[in-house]
Amino acid sequence: MAALLLRRLRDLVLILLIVGTMMFFVVRLMPGDPAMAILGPMARPQDVEALRQSMGLTGSLWSQYLSWIGNVVQGDFGTSITYHASVIPVVAEHFLPTLTLALISTAVSFAVAVVITFWNAVAPRNPVASLLTRMSGLGMAIPDFWIALILVLVFAVTLRWFPSSGYVGLLSDPAAAAGTLVLPVICLVIGQSALFILTLRESVLGELPQTYLRTARVKGLSERQVMLGHVLPNALMPLVTQLGSNFAMMMGGIVIIESIFVIPGLGSLLLGAVFTRDFPLVQGVTLFVALMFVLVNLLVDLSYALLDPKVRVS
């Protein structure tokens, strides 16, 4: 376990260095001058040059890169051009809405996938369970933005059950927060649960022919006990992998969903930073997303050791 942690920490430093370097040069290929965008076309050249110098945009790209790397090592990711504040507090402020959406939708999708797959395996002739399993392919085929627009039209505009947009923090007002989260969570759950159902179903079908299940049945265990005690724990490994990668991608920013429901998360933050050519903020959000990918993958690897004793031995 200690060796795994050391390898992941090494990978973390390497990935952050590669991602940070790539984003540093990519954002500087974007057309337009951030200083000119801030001051406007009527600004005096000396004012533009002074602002560019204060933003660290003067000199060669190599000198700018070395200066940026030195500041990052010291924990200074620069100052956001748009928010006029340090990058870290800005990212932290927009991190919680995205984390809330990702956690709730992933947990609900995981529970829905396990229940439907278990129901279909225990009662394969049940028409409702079979229908829900077959509809999972349809859930993956429908785009998220289309589902979001339909939900807004039906439940927000027509029925007026939920607000069409906005976000309220869970800690500040749980009741109001629940109302603003229902529609975006449902939208995310439809696509995620469909993917999880298909993944878990294939894994369960691969476990059912195994000979160890015959022994369990010979011992007198019911089909439900066999599924819960033997099949599901072994079948969860591929689903955990899928769950981890899917959660990490959502932490990168659910851009479309956050834009439709006007949620101030990482996706909308990154999109706005790209449009305003906010170089420090783009680089800071990108590094944070890369960090989340590595940490989530580390948690997935550690969960393997809990689910499979063979992994602990190896």
Protein backbone atom coordinates (compact mmCIF):
# COMPACT_ATOMS: atom_id res chain seq x y z
CA MET A 1 0.00 0.00 0.00
CA ALA A 2 2.83 2.39 0.83
CA ALA A 3 4.50 1.63 -2.50
CA LEU A 4 1.23 2.40 -4.30
CA LEU A 5 0.95 5.77 -2.54
CA LEU A 6 4.53 6.67 -3.40
CA ARG A 7 3.99 5.78 -7.07
CA ARG A 8 0.80 7.85 -7.18
CA LEU A 9 2.54 10.84 -5.60
CA ARG A 10 5.28 10.56 -8.21
CA ASP A 11 2.64 10.38 -10.96
CA LEU A 12 0.84 13.36 -9.44
CA VAL A 13 3.91 15.61 -9.68
CA LEU A 14 4.66 14.42 -13.22
CA ILE A 15 1.08 14.88 -14.46
CA LEU A 16 0.76 18.34 -12.94
CA LEU A 17 4.06 19.37 -14.54
CA ILE A 18 3.03 18.08 -17.97
CA VAL A 19 -0.49 19.53 -17.83
CA GLY A 20 0.73 22.86 -16.47
CA THR A 21 3.40 23.16 -19.15
CA MET A 22 1.01 22.30 -21.97
CA MET A 23 -1.67 24.72 -20.76
CA PHE A 24 0.88 27.51 -20.27
CA PHE A 25 1.86 27.45 -23.94
CA VAL A 26 -1.62 26.60 -25.27
CA VAL A 27 -3.36 29.56 -23.63
CA ARG A 28 -0.72 31.88 -25.05
CA LEU A 29 -1.63 30.69 -28.55
CA MET A 30 -5.13 32.09 -28.02
CA PRO A 31 -5.76 35.19 -30.16
CA GLY A 32 -6.05 38.56 -28.46
CA ASP A 33 -4.19 40.50 -25.81
CA PRO A 34 -5.57 40.20 -22.25
CA ALA A 35 -4.25 43.66 -21.36
CA MET A 36 -5.96 45.20 -24.36
CA ALA A 37 -9.16 43.31 -23.55
CA ILE A 38 -9.15 44.78 -20.02
CA LEU A 39 -8.29 48.39 -20.90
CA GLY A 40 -10.19 48.58 -24.17
CA PRO A 41 -9.14 49.66 -27.67
CA MET A 42 -8.87 53.34 -26.66
CA ALA A 43 -6.20 52.72 -24.02
CA ARG A 44 -2.81 54.38 -24.30
CA PRO A 45 0.06 52.08 -25.40
CA GLN A 46 2.08 52.85 -22.27
CA ASP A 47 -0.86 51.82 -20.07
CA VAL A 48 -1.26 48.57 -22.00
CA GLU A 49 2.44 47.82 -21.71
CA ALA A 50 2.43 48.57 -17.99
CA LEU A 51 -0.50 46.22 -17.45
CA ARG A 52 1.11 43.50 -19.53
CA GLN A 53 4.24 43.81 -17.41
CA SER A 54 2.27 43.57 -14.17
CA MET A 55 0.54 40.46 -15.53
CA GLY A 56 3.85 38.81 -16.40
CA LEU A 57 3.21 38.84 -20.14
CA THR A 58 6.43 40.58 -21.16
CA GLY A 59 9.66 38.97 -22.19
CA SER A 60 10.17 35.67 -23.97
CA LEU A 61 7.83 32.72 -23.48
CA TRP A 62 10.66 30.77 -21.86
CA SER A 63 11.29 33.47 -19.25
CA GLN A 64 7.54 33.77 -18.60
CA TYR A 65 7.32 30.00 -18.16
CA LEU A 66 10.23 29.85 -15.72
CA SER A 67 8.73 32.72 -13.72
CA TRP A 68 5.35 31.00 -13.63
CA ILE A 69 6.84 27.66 -12.54
CA GLY A 70 8.78 29.38 -9.78
CA ASN A 71 5.63 31.08 -8.50
CA VAL A 72 3.59 27.85 -8.63
CA VAL A 73 6.21 26.00 -6.58
CA GLN A 74 5.77 28.69 -3.94
CA GLY A 75 1.96 28.30 -4.04
CA ASP A 76 1.33 31.45 -6.08
CA PHE A 77 -0.87 30.67 -9.10
CA GLY A 78 -1.25 34.30 -10.06
CA THR A 79 -4.11 36.78 -9.93
CA SER A 80 -7.28 36.33 -11.92
CA ILE A 81 -7.74 39.06 -14.50
CA THR A 82 -11.53 38.78 -14.32
CA TYR A 83 -12.04 38.52 -10.57
CA HIS A 84 -9.04 40.65 -9.48
CA ALA A 85 -8.27 38.06 -6.81
CA SER A 86 -5.83 35.23 -6.23
CA VAL A 87 -6.56 32.17 -8.37
CA ILE A 88 -6.76 29.68 -5.48
CA PRO A 89 -9.66 31.39 -3.62
CA VAL A 90 -11.57 31.84 -6.89
CA VAL A 91 -11.22 28.14 -7.77
CA ALA A 92 -12.14 27.13 -4.21
CA GLU A 93 -15.29 29.26 -4.36
CA HIS A 94 -16.48 27.56 -7.56
CA PHE A 95 -15.37 24.08 -6.50
CA LEU A 96 -18.20 23.38 -4.04
CA PRO A 97 -21.14 23.63 -6.52
CA THR A 98 -19.46 21.21 -8.93
CA LEU A 99 -18.49 18.85 -6.09
CA THR A 100 -22.08 18.88 -4.79
CA LEU A 101 -23.52 18.01 -8.19
CA ALA A 102 -20.89 15.34 -8.85
CA LEU A 103 -21.26 13.62 -5.46
CA ILE A 104 -25.06 13.56 -5.38
CA SER A 105 -25.53 12.49 -9.00
CA THR A 106 -22.82 9.81 -8.80
CA ALA A 107 -24.18 8.35 -5.55
CA VAL A 108 -27.76 8.27 -6.86
CA SER A 109 -26.66 6.79 -10.21
CA PHE A 110 -24.64 4.09 -8.44
CA ALA A 111 -27.59 3.15 -6.21
CA VAL A 112 -30.00 3.08 -9.17
CA ALA A 113 -27.64 0.89 -11.20
CA VAL A 114 -27.13 -1.60 -8.37
CA VAL A 115 -30.86 -1.85 -7.58
CA ILE A 116 -31.98 -2.28 -11.19
CA THR A 117 -29.22 -4.78 -12.05
CA PHE A 118 -29.84 -6.79 -8.87
CA TRP A 119 -33.60 -6.79 -9.53
CA ASN A 120 -33.10 -7.95 -13.11
CA ALA A 121 -30.69 -10.71 -12.05
CA VAL A 122 -32.92 -12.04 -9.26
CA ALA A 123 -36.14 -11.73 -11.26
CA PRO A 124 -35.10 -11.95 -14.93
CA ARG A 125 -38.72 -12.42 -16.08
CA ASN A 126 -40.00 -9.31 -14.34
CA PRO A 127 -41.19 -7.00 -17.16
CA VAL A 128 -40.46 -3.77 -15.28
CA ALA A 129 -36.87 -4.74 -14.43
CA SER A 130 -36.26 -5.90 -18.00
CA LEU A 131 -37.71 -2.68 -19.41
CA LEU A 132 -35.55 -0.49 -17.18
CA THR A 133 -32.44 -2.43 -18.19
CA ARG A 134 -33.29 -2.15 -21.89
CA MET A 135 -33.95 1.58 -21.57
CA SER A 136 -30.43 2.16 -20.27
CA GLY A 137 -29.16 2.24 -23.85
CA LEU A 138 -31.63 5.00 -24.62
CA GLY A 139 -30.45 6.97 -21.60
CA MET A 140 -26.90 6.96 -22.94
CA ALA A 141 -27.99 7.99 -26.43
CA ILE A 142 -29.93 11.12 -25.40
CA PRO A 143 -27.70 14.21 -25.05
CA ASP A 144 -27.54 15.82 -21.61
CA PHE A 145 -28.43 19.27 -22.91
CA TRP A 146 -31.62 17.94 -24.54
CA ILE A 147 -32.70 16.25 -21.31
CA ALA A 148 -31.92 19.46 -19.40
CA LEU A 149 -34.04 21.58 -21.74
CA ILE A 150 -36.97 19.14 -21.55
CA LEU A 151 -36.79 19.09 -17.75
CA VAL A 152 -36.76 22.89 -17.60
CA LEU A 153 -39.69 23.13 -20.02
CA VAL A 154 -41.85 20.58 -18.18
CA PHE A 155 -41.01 21.00 -14.50
CA ALA A 156 -39.89 24.63 -14.34
CA VAL A 157 -41.83 26.49 -17.03
CA THR A 158 -45.04 24.45 -17.32
CA LEU A 159 -45.57 22.89 -13.87
CA ARG A 160 -43.46 25.44 -11.94
CA TRP A 161 -42.36 22.79 -9.44
CA PHE A 162 -38.69 23.77 -9.46
CA PRO A 163 -36.67 26.87 -10.39
CA SER A 164 -35.31 26.90 -13.91
CA SER A 165 -31.86 28.15 -12.87
CA GLY A 166 -29.73 29.30 -9.98
CA TYR A 167 -27.80 27.68 -7.18
CA VAL A 168 -28.06 27.83 -3.39
CA GLY A 169 -25.44 26.25 -1.14
CA LEU A 170 -26.50 23.22 0.89
CA LEU A 171 -25.01 24.65 4.06
CA SER A 172 -26.60 28.08 3.71
CA ASP A 173 -30.19 26.98 2.97
CA PRO A 174 -30.76 23.19 2.57
CA ALA A 175 -34.43 23.53 1.56
CA ALA A 176 -33.77 26.07 -1.18
CA ALA A 177 -30.66 24.17 -2.27
CA ALA A 178 -32.65 20.96 -2.73
CA GLY A 179 -35.03 22.76 -5.08
CA THR A 180 -32.23 24.12 -7.25
CA LEU A 181 -30.41 20.77 -7.40
CA VAL A 182 -33.29 18.48 -8.39
CA LEU A 183 -33.35 19.18 -12.13
CA PRO A 184 -29.57 19.20 -12.79
CA VAL A 185 -29.12 16.06 -10.67
CA ILE A 186 -31.91 14.23 -12.55
CA CYS A 187 -30.32 15.25 -15.82
CA LEU A 188 -26.94 13.86 -14.78
CA VAL A 189 -28.40 10.71 -13.20
CA ILE A 190 -30.19 9.66 -16.40
CA GLY A 191 -26.99 9.43 -18.41
CA GLN A 192 -24.77 8.15 -15.60
CA SER A 193 -27.11 5.45 -14.33
CA ALA A 194 -27.58 4.17 -17.88
CA LEU A 195 -23.82 3.78 -18.26
CA PHE A 196 -23.47 2.18 -14.83
CA ILE A 197 -26.32 -0.27 -15.51
CA LEU A 198 -24.74 -1.47 -18.76
CA THR A 199 -21.33 -1.81 -17.09
CA LEU A 200 -22.63 -3.68 -14.05
CA ARG A 201 -24.93 -5.89 -16.13
CA GLU A 202 -22.06 -7.13 -18.29
CA SER A 203 -20.00 -7.79 -15.17
CA VAL A 204 -22.83 -9.68 -13.48
CA LEU A 205 -23.44 -11.81 -16.58
CA GLY A 206 -19.75 -12.71 -16.55
CA GLU A 207 -19.98 -13.86 -12.91
CA LEU A 208 -23.17 -15.94 -13.15
CA PRO A 209 -21.60 -18.96 -14.96
CA GLN A 210 -18.78 -19.25 -12.39
CA THR A 211 -18.56 -22.57 -10.56
CA TYR A 212 -18.25 -21.04 -7.09
CA LEU A 213 -21.89 -19.98 -7.32
CA ARG A 214 -22.97 -23.63 -7.58
CA THR A 215 -21.27 -24.29 -4.27
CA ALA A 216 -23.09 -21.39 -2.70
CA ARG A 217 -26.44 -22.67 -3.98
CA VAL A 218 -25.66 -26.21 -2.82
CA LYS A 219 -25.11 -24.83 0.68
CA GLY A 220 -28.73 -23.74 0.66
CA LEU A 221 -28.31 -20.02 0.00
CA SER A 222 -31.19 -18.32 -1.74
CA GLU A 223 -30.71 -16.59 -5.08
CA ARG A 224 -30.88 -13.22 -3.33
CA GLN A 225 -28.17 -14.23 -0.86
CA VAL A 226 -26.00 -15.51 -3.69
CA MET A 227 -26.35 -12.22 -5.53
CA LEU A 228 -25.70 -10.01 -2.54
CA GLY A 229 -22.95 -12.06 -0.92
CA HIS A 230 -21.04 -13.36 -3.93
CA VAL A 231 -21.99 -11.97 -7.33
CA LEU A 232 -22.28 -8.25 -6.61
CA PRO A 233 -19.01 -7.85 -4.64
CA ASN A 234 -17.07 -9.48 -7.48
CA ALA A 235 -19.01 -7.67 -10.20
CA LEU A 236 -18.47 -4.24 -8.68
CA MET A 237 -14.81 -3.96 -9.75
CA PRO A 238 -15.49 -2.71 -13.33
CA LEU A 239 -18.23 -0.43 -12.03
CA VAL A 240 -15.87 1.15 -9.49
CA THR A 241 -13.44 1.91 -12.31
CA GLN A 242 -16.22 3.45 -14.38
CA LEU A 243 -17.53 5.37 -11.39
CA GLY A 244 -14.13 6.85 -10.60
CA SER A 245 -13.35 7.98 -14.13
CA ASN A 246 -16.86 9.38 -14.59
CA PHE A 247 -16.69 11.30 -11.31
CA ALA A 248 -13.27 12.73 -12.20
CA MET A 249 -14.60 13.93 -15.57
CA MET A 250 -17.52 15.65 -13.86
CA MET A 251 -15.16 17.37 -11.46
CA GLY A 252 -13.48 18.77 -14.56
CA GLY A 253 -16.62 20.82 -15.02
CA ILE A 254 -20.10 19.92 -16.20
CA VAL A 255 -19.99 22.82 -18.63
CA ILE A 256 -23.30 22.33 -20.46
CA ILE A 257 -25.36 21.52 -17.37
CA GLU A 258 -23.83 24.35 -15.36
CA SER A 259 -24.47 26.77 -18.21
CA ILE A 260 -28.11 25.77 -18.68
CA PHE A 261 -28.96 25.89 -14.99
CA VAL A 262 -26.65 28.87 -14.27
CA ILE A 263 -24.61 27.02 -11.64
CA PRO A 264 -21.36 28.80 -10.67
CA GLY A 265 -19.18 25.69 -10.84
CA LEU A 266 -15.77 24.89 -12.30
CA GLY A 267 -17.16 24.31 -15.79
CA SER A 268 -18.72 27.75 -16.10
CA LEU A 269 -15.64 29.27 -14.43
CA LEU A 270 -13.28 27.70 -16.98
CA LEU A 271 -15.53 28.64 -19.90
CA GLY A 272 -15.68 32.26 -18.76
CA ALA A 273 -11.91 32.34 -18.20
CA VAL A 274 -11.30 31.13 -21.77
CA PHE A 275 -13.63 33.76 -23.23
CA THR A 276 -12.01 36.57 -21.23
CA ARG A 277 -8.47 35.27 -21.89
CA ASP A 278 -7.85 35.01 -18.17
CA PHE A 279 -4.55 33.11 -18.47
CA PRO A 280 -3.83 32.61 -14.74
CA LEU A 281 -7.36 31.36 -14.06
CA VAL A 282 -7.34 28.94 -17.02
CA GLN A 283 -4.05 27.48 -15.85
CA GLY A 284 -5.20 27.28 -12.22
CA VAL A 285 -8.48 25.51 -13.03
CA THR A 286 -6.71 23.09 -15.37
CA LEU A 287 -4.12 22.16 -12.74
CA PHE A 288 -6.85 21.68 -10.16
CA VAL A 289 -8.80 19.37 -12.49
CA ALA A 290 -5.65 17.34 -13.18
CA LEU A 291 -5.09 17.05 -9.44
CA MET A 292 -8.65 15.77 -8.97
CA PHE A 293 -8.15 13.15 -11.70
CA VAL A 294 -5.08 11.74 -9.99
CA LEU A 295 -6.65 11.76 -6.52
CA VAL A 296 -9.85 10.06 -7.71
CA ASN A 297 -7.86 7.38 -9.53
CA LEU A 298 -5.86 6.83 -6.33
CA LEU A 299 -9.08 6.30 -4.38
CA VAL A 300 -10.26 3.84 -7.04
CA ASP A 301 -7.02 1.86 -6.72
CA LEU A 302 -7.35 1.79 -2.94
CA SER A 303 -10.98 0.63 -3.21
CA TYR A 304 -9.79 -2.38 -5.23
CA ALA A 305 -7.91 -3.55 -2.15
CA LEU A 306 -11.13 -3.39 -0.13
CA LEU A 307 -13.22 -5.23 -2.72
CA ASP A 308 -10.74 -7.91 -3.81
CA PRO A 309 -8.45 -9.71 -1.30
CA LYS A 310 -6.19 -10.77 -4.19
CA VAL A 311 -5.29 -7.14 -4.80
CA ARG A 312 -4.27 -6.74 -1.13
CA VAL A 313 -2.01 -9.77 -1.38
CA SER A 314 -0.36 -8.53 -4.58
